[in-house]
């Protein structure tokens, strides 16, 4: 199993970024996918989750209305569109999957997002 994130970077407050996670090594369309983030000196927290078909999503209260998670089961990718970014969104963002059939979870290597003027 491999999860590879891309799209992080430095952006000014109010700006936008789009993160992407390319997945391989498992049947992507079978599993829900999530994005987590870890701010400096803090624990890893759930940002957004999308179900296997893409028909249902959930968001942390702190990002509702600003972030959108989506997936493409033909390309085995899950994206996180981040708009109206705030300095408190600064963190390393991780792609995550729990393979419930194998009872194992996997993380990507993370991508840094920095929101600063």
N, C-alpha and C. Protein backbone atom coordinates (compact mmCIF):
# COMPACT_ATOMS: atom_id res chain seq x y z
N UNK A 1 0.85 -1.19 0.00
CA UNK A 1 0.00 0.00 0.00
C UNK A 1 0.88 1.24 0.00
N UNK A 2 0.52 2.18 -0.84
CA UNK A 2 1.28 3.42 -0.90
C UNK A 2 0.31 4.59 -1.06
N UNK A 3 0.53 5.63 -0.25
CA UNK A 3 -0.23 6.87 -0.33
C UNK A 3 0.79 8.00 -0.51
N UNK A 4 0.65 8.76 -1.59
CA UNK A 4 1.61 9.81 -1.89
C UNK A 4 0.87 11.13 -2.05
N UNK A 5 1.14 12.05 -1.11
CA UNK A 5 0.50 13.36 -1.15
C UNK A 5 1.33 14.34 -1.98
N UNK A 6 0.63 15.32 -2.51
CA UNK A 6 1.28 16.41 -3.24
C UNK A 6 0.40 17.65 -3.14
N UNK A 7 0.99 18.80 -3.48
CA UNK A 7 0.21 20.02 -3.56
C UNK A 7 0.38 21.00 -2.43
N UNK A 8 1.16 20.67 -1.41
CA UNK A 8 1.36 21.59 -0.32
C UNK A 8 2.22 22.78 -0.74
N UNK A 9 2.34 23.73 0.17
CA UNK A 9 3.17 24.90 -0.12
C UNK A 9 2.86 26.05 0.80
N UNK A 10 3.36 27.22 0.42
CA UNK A 10 3.15 28.45 1.17
C UNK A 10 2.07 29.28 0.48
N UNK A 11 1.11 29.74 1.25
CA UNK A 11 0.02 30.54 0.70
C UNK A 11 -0.34 31.64 1.68
N UNK A 12 -0.82 32.76 1.17
CA UNK A 12 -1.22 33.86 2.03
C UNK A 12 -2.60 33.60 2.63
N UNK A 13 -2.88 34.19 3.77
CA UNK A 13 -4.23 34.07 4.35
C UNK A 13 -5.29 34.48 3.33
N UNK A 14 -6.37 33.68 3.30
CA UNK A 14 -7.42 33.92 2.32
C UNK A 14 -7.22 33.20 1.01
N UNK A 15 -6.06 32.63 0.81
CA UNK A 15 -5.74 31.93 -0.42
C UNK A 15 -6.26 30.50 -0.45
N UNK A 16 -5.91 29.80 -1.53
CA UNK A 16 -6.37 28.43 -1.74
C UNK A 16 -5.21 27.51 -2.11
N UNK A 17 -5.38 26.26 -1.77
CA UNK A 17 -4.47 25.20 -2.19
C UNK A 17 -5.30 23.95 -2.45
N UNK A 18 -4.79 23.11 -3.32
CA UNK A 18 -5.43 21.81 -3.56
C UNK A 18 -4.42 20.72 -3.33
N UNK A 19 -4.70 19.86 -2.36
CA UNK A 19 -3.86 18.71 -2.08
C UNK A 19 -4.40 17.50 -2.82
N UNK A 20 -3.49 16.62 -3.21
CA UNK A 20 -3.89 15.39 -3.87
C UNK A 20 -3.14 14.22 -3.25
N UNK A 21 -3.82 13.08 -3.19
CA UNK A 21 -3.22 11.85 -2.66
C UNK A 21 -3.42 10.75 -3.71
N UNK A 22 -2.32 10.21 -4.18
CA UNK A 22 -2.37 9.09 -5.13
C UNK A 22 -2.19 7.79 -4.36
N UNK A 23 -3.15 6.89 -4.50
CA UNK A 23 -3.15 5.64 -3.76
C UNK A 23 -2.86 4.46 -4.67
N UNK A 24 -2.19 3.46 -4.11
CA UNK A 24 -1.91 2.24 -4.86
C UNK A 24 -1.73 1.08 -3.90
N UNK A 25 -1.86 -0.12 -4.42
CA UNK A 25 -1.63 -1.31 -3.62
C UNK A 25 -2.84 -1.90 -2.94
N UNK A 26 -4.00 -1.31 -3.19
CA UNK A 26 -5.25 -1.85 -2.64
C UNK A 26 -6.40 -1.43 -3.56
N UNK A 27 -7.56 -2.03 -3.33
CA UNK A 27 -8.73 -1.73 -4.17
C UNK A 27 -9.33 -0.41 -3.69
N UNK A 28 -8.90 0.65 -4.30
CA UNK A 28 -9.20 2.01 -3.83
C UNK A 28 -10.70 2.25 -3.67
N UNK A 29 -11.49 1.79 -4.62
CA UNK A 29 -12.92 2.10 -4.62
C UNK A 29 -13.69 1.40 -3.50
N UNK A 30 -13.03 0.54 -2.75
CA UNK A 30 -13.68 -0.20 -1.67
C UNK A 30 -13.68 0.55 -0.34
N UNK A 31 -12.75 1.51 -0.20
CA UNK A 31 -12.48 2.07 1.11
C UNK A 31 -12.71 3.58 1.21
N UNK A 32 -13.20 3.98 2.40
CA UNK A 32 -13.24 5.40 2.71
C UNK A 32 -11.82 5.93 2.81
N UNK A 33 -11.67 7.21 2.53
CA UNK A 33 -10.37 7.87 2.60
C UNK A 33 -10.50 9.12 3.47
N UNK A 34 -9.41 9.48 4.12
CA UNK A 34 -9.43 10.64 5.00
C UNK A 34 -8.18 11.49 4.83
N UNK A 35 -8.34 12.74 5.22
CA UNK A 35 -7.21 13.65 5.38
C UNK A 35 -7.11 14.02 6.86
N UNK A 36 -5.90 13.98 7.39
CA UNK A 36 -5.59 14.43 8.73
C UNK A 36 -4.56 15.56 8.63
N UNK A 37 -4.39 16.27 9.74
CA UNK A 37 -3.33 17.26 9.78
C UNK A 37 -2.70 17.30 11.17
N UNK A 38 -1.45 17.75 11.19
CA UNK A 38 -0.73 17.87 12.45
C UNK A 38 -0.01 19.21 12.46
N UNK A 39 -0.48 20.09 13.35
CA UNK A 39 0.15 21.39 13.50
C UNK A 39 1.38 21.27 14.39
N UNK A 40 2.28 22.21 14.30
CA UNK A 40 3.51 22.15 15.12
C UNK A 40 3.19 22.02 16.61
N UNK A 41 3.78 21.04 17.24
CA UNK A 41 3.60 20.85 18.67
C UNK A 41 2.26 20.26 19.10
N UNK A 42 1.46 19.83 18.12
CA UNK A 42 0.14 19.29 18.44
C UNK A 42 -0.03 17.89 17.88
N UNK A 43 -1.10 17.24 18.28
CA UNK A 43 -1.38 15.90 17.79
C UNK A 43 -2.02 15.91 16.41
N UNK A 44 -2.15 14.74 15.82
CA UNK A 44 -2.75 14.60 14.50
C UNK A 44 -4.27 14.59 14.65
N UNK A 45 -4.96 15.40 13.84
CA UNK A 45 -6.41 15.51 13.94
C UNK A 45 -7.07 15.27 12.59
N UNK A 46 -8.29 14.74 12.64
CA UNK A 46 -9.04 14.45 11.43
C UNK A 46 -9.56 15.74 10.81
N UNK A 47 -9.37 15.88 9.50
CA UNK A 47 -9.84 17.05 8.77
C UNK A 47 -11.11 16.71 7.98
N UNK A 48 -11.06 15.63 7.21
CA UNK A 48 -12.20 15.29 6.36
C UNK A 48 -12.14 13.82 5.98
N UNK A 49 -13.34 13.25 5.74
CA UNK A 49 -13.46 11.86 5.32
C UNK A 49 -14.46 11.77 4.18
N UNK A 50 -14.20 10.88 3.25
CA UNK A 50 -15.12 10.62 2.15
C UNK A 50 -15.34 9.11 2.06
N UNK A 51 -16.59 8.72 1.80
CA UNK A 51 -16.86 7.28 1.75
C UNK A 51 -16.36 6.69 0.44
N UNK A 52 -16.52 5.40 0.30
CA UNK A 52 -15.90 4.70 -0.83
C UNK A 52 -16.42 5.17 -2.19
N UNK A 53 -17.69 5.51 -2.26
CA UNK A 53 -18.27 5.92 -3.54
C UNK A 53 -18.14 7.42 -3.79
N UNK A 54 -17.84 8.17 -2.73
CA UNK A 54 -17.78 9.62 -2.86
C UNK A 54 -19.10 10.30 -2.60
N UNK A 55 -20.11 9.54 -2.17
CA UNK A 55 -21.44 10.11 -2.00
C UNK A 55 -21.65 10.77 -0.64
N UNK A 56 -20.72 10.54 0.28
CA UNK A 56 -20.87 11.09 1.63
C UNK A 56 -19.53 11.62 2.12
N UNK A 57 -19.59 12.79 2.74
CA UNK A 57 -18.38 13.42 3.29
C UNK A 57 -18.65 13.94 4.69
N UNK A 58 -17.57 14.05 5.46
CA UNK A 58 -17.64 14.64 6.79
C UNK A 58 -16.42 15.52 7.00
N UNK A 59 -16.63 16.59 7.78
CA UNK A 59 -15.56 17.57 7.99
C UNK A 59 -15.44 17.94 9.45
N UNK A 60 -14.23 18.28 9.86
CA UNK A 60 -14.03 18.88 11.17
C UNK A 60 -14.73 20.25 11.17
N UNK A 61 -15.25 20.63 12.32
CA UNK A 61 -15.96 21.91 12.41
C UNK A 61 -15.08 23.07 11.96
N UNK A 62 -13.80 22.97 12.24
CA UNK A 62 -12.89 24.07 11.95
C UNK A 62 -12.70 24.34 10.46
N UNK A 63 -13.06 23.36 9.61
CA UNK A 63 -12.85 23.54 8.16
C UNK A 63 -14.14 23.52 7.36
N UNK A 64 -15.27 23.27 8.01
CA UNK A 64 -16.56 23.21 7.30
C UNK A 64 -16.82 24.51 6.54
N UNK A 65 -17.23 24.36 5.30
CA UNK A 65 -17.52 25.52 4.47
C UNK A 65 -16.31 26.09 3.76
N UNK A 66 -15.12 25.61 4.13
CA UNK A 66 -13.89 26.12 3.50
C UNK A 66 -13.15 25.03 2.72
N UNK A 67 -13.20 23.80 3.23
CA UNK A 67 -12.49 22.68 2.61
C UNK A 67 -13.50 21.74 1.94
N UNK A 68 -13.06 21.11 0.85
CA UNK A 68 -13.88 20.13 0.15
C UNK A 68 -13.04 18.92 -0.19
N UNK A 69 -13.49 17.74 0.26
CA UNK A 69 -12.81 16.50 -0.07
C UNK A 69 -13.55 15.84 -1.24
N UNK A 70 -12.78 15.26 -2.15
CA UNK A 70 -13.37 14.58 -3.31
C UNK A 70 -12.46 13.42 -3.70
N UNK A 71 -12.99 12.53 -4.51
CA UNK A 71 -12.20 11.38 -4.95
C UNK A 71 -12.53 11.03 -6.38
N UNK A 72 -11.56 10.38 -7.03
CA UNK A 72 -11.75 9.87 -8.39
C UNK A 72 -11.36 8.41 -8.37
N UNK A 73 -12.36 7.54 -8.37
CA UNK A 73 -12.10 6.10 -8.28
C UNK A 73 -11.54 5.52 -9.58
N UNK A 74 -11.55 6.28 -10.65
CA UNK A 74 -10.92 5.82 -11.89
C UNK A 74 -9.42 6.11 -11.89
N UNK A 75 -9.02 7.11 -11.10
CA UNK A 75 -7.60 7.49 -11.03
C UNK A 75 -6.96 7.12 -9.70
N UNK A 76 -7.75 6.61 -8.77
CA UNK A 76 -7.25 6.24 -7.43
C UNK A 76 -6.63 7.45 -6.72
N UNK A 77 -7.36 8.55 -6.76
CA UNK A 77 -6.89 9.75 -6.09
C UNK A 77 -7.97 10.33 -5.18
N UNK A 78 -7.52 10.98 -4.12
CA UNK A 78 -8.42 11.72 -3.25
C UNK A 78 -7.80 13.11 -3.05
N UNK A 79 -8.62 14.13 -3.23
CA UNK A 79 -8.16 15.51 -3.18
C UNK A 79 -8.77 16.25 -2.00
N UNK A 80 -8.07 17.31 -1.60
CA UNK A 80 -8.60 18.21 -0.58
C UNK A 80 -8.44 19.63 -1.10
N UNK A 81 -9.56 20.24 -1.48
CA UNK A 81 -9.56 21.63 -1.92
C UNK A 81 -9.71 22.51 -0.68
N UNK A 82 -8.75 23.39 -0.48
CA UNK A 82 -8.73 24.24 0.71
C UNK A 82 -8.84 25.70 0.29
N UNK A 83 -9.92 26.33 0.67
CA UNK A 83 -10.17 27.73 0.35
C UNK A 83 -10.23 28.57 1.62
N UNK A 84 -10.11 29.87 1.46
CA UNK A 84 -10.17 30.80 2.59
C UNK A 84 -9.23 30.35 3.71
N UNK A 85 -8.04 30.04 3.34
CA UNK A 85 -7.08 29.50 4.30
C UNK A 85 -6.72 30.52 5.36
N UNK A 86 -6.51 30.00 6.57
CA UNK A 86 -6.17 30.81 7.74
C UNK A 86 -4.81 30.37 8.28
N UNK A 87 -4.12 31.24 9.00
CA UNK A 87 -2.84 30.83 9.58
C UNK A 87 -2.96 29.57 10.45
N UNK A 88 -4.08 29.39 11.09
CA UNK A 88 -4.25 28.21 11.94
C UNK A 88 -4.44 26.92 11.15
N UNK A 89 -4.52 27.01 9.82
CA UNK A 89 -4.55 25.82 8.98
C UNK A 89 -3.14 25.31 8.70
N UNK A 90 -2.14 26.04 9.13
CA UNK A 90 -0.75 25.61 8.93
C UNK A 90 -0.51 24.28 9.64
N UNK A 91 -0.03 23.31 8.88
CA UNK A 91 0.16 21.96 9.41
C UNK A 91 0.76 21.07 8.32
N UNK A 92 1.17 19.90 8.74
CA UNK A 92 1.48 18.84 7.78
C UNK A 92 0.19 18.05 7.58
N UNK A 93 -0.18 17.87 6.32
CA UNK A 93 -1.43 17.19 5.97
C UNK A 93 -1.10 15.77 5.48
N UNK A 94 -1.86 14.81 6.02
CA UNK A 94 -1.62 13.40 5.74
C UNK A 94 -2.85 12.76 5.11
N UNK A 95 -2.63 11.93 4.15
CA UNK A 95 -3.65 11.06 3.58
C UNK A 95 -3.69 9.77 4.40
N UNK A 96 -4.90 9.22 4.59
CA UNK A 96 -5.05 8.06 5.49
C UNK A 96 -6.10 7.10 4.95
N UNK A 97 -5.83 5.82 5.13
CA UNK A 97 -6.82 4.80 4.82
C UNK A 97 -6.78 3.70 5.87
N UNK A 98 -7.94 3.23 6.28
CA UNK A 98 -8.06 2.06 7.14
C UNK A 98 -8.64 0.94 6.29
N UNK A 99 -7.82 -0.08 6.08
CA UNK A 99 -8.27 -1.23 5.31
C UNK A 99 -8.96 -2.18 6.29
N UNK A 100 -10.28 -2.04 6.43
CA UNK A 100 -11.00 -2.77 7.46
C UNK A 100 -10.97 -4.28 7.23
N UNK A 101 -10.85 -4.70 5.99
CA UNK A 101 -10.80 -6.14 5.73
C UNK A 101 -9.50 -6.75 6.23
N UNK A 102 -8.42 -6.00 6.18
CA UNK A 102 -7.12 -6.45 6.66
C UNK A 102 -6.82 -5.95 8.07
N UNK A 103 -7.70 -5.07 8.59
CA UNK A 103 -7.51 -4.46 9.90
C UNK A 103 -6.16 -3.77 10.02
N UNK A 104 -5.83 -3.01 8.99
CA UNK A 104 -4.58 -2.28 9.00
C UNK A 104 -4.83 -0.86 8.49
N UNK A 105 -4.08 0.07 9.03
CA UNK A 105 -4.18 1.43 8.54
C UNK A 105 -2.85 1.90 7.95
N UNK A 106 -2.95 2.87 7.06
CA UNK A 106 -1.79 3.37 6.35
C UNK A 106 -1.85 4.89 6.25
N UNK A 107 -0.65 5.48 6.32
CA UNK A 107 -0.51 6.93 6.22
C UNK A 107 0.41 7.28 5.05
N UNK A 108 0.14 8.42 4.45
CA UNK A 108 1.11 8.97 3.52
C UNK A 108 2.25 9.63 4.28
N UNK A 109 3.19 10.17 3.53
CA UNK A 109 4.37 10.78 4.16
C UNK A 109 4.09 12.21 4.62
N UNK A 110 3.00 12.79 4.16
CA UNK A 110 2.61 14.13 4.57
C UNK A 110 3.11 15.20 3.62
N UNK A 111 2.36 16.30 3.57
CA UNK A 111 2.75 17.46 2.77
C UNK A 111 2.52 18.71 3.60
N UNK A 112 3.49 19.60 3.60
CA UNK A 112 3.45 20.79 4.44
C UNK A 112 2.59 21.88 3.80
N UNK A 113 1.69 22.42 4.60
CA UNK A 113 0.90 23.59 4.20
C UNK A 113 1.20 24.71 5.19
N UNK A 114 1.66 25.84 4.68
CA UNK A 114 1.97 26.99 5.51
C UNK A 114 1.15 28.19 5.03
N UNK A 115 0.37 28.75 5.95
CA UNK A 115 -0.46 29.91 5.63
C UNK A 115 0.11 31.10 6.38
N UNK A 116 0.69 32.01 5.64
CA UNK A 116 1.39 33.14 6.26
C UNK A 116 1.52 34.27 5.26
N UNK A 117 1.48 35.49 5.80
CA UNK A 117 1.69 36.66 4.94
C UNK A 117 3.16 37.07 4.95
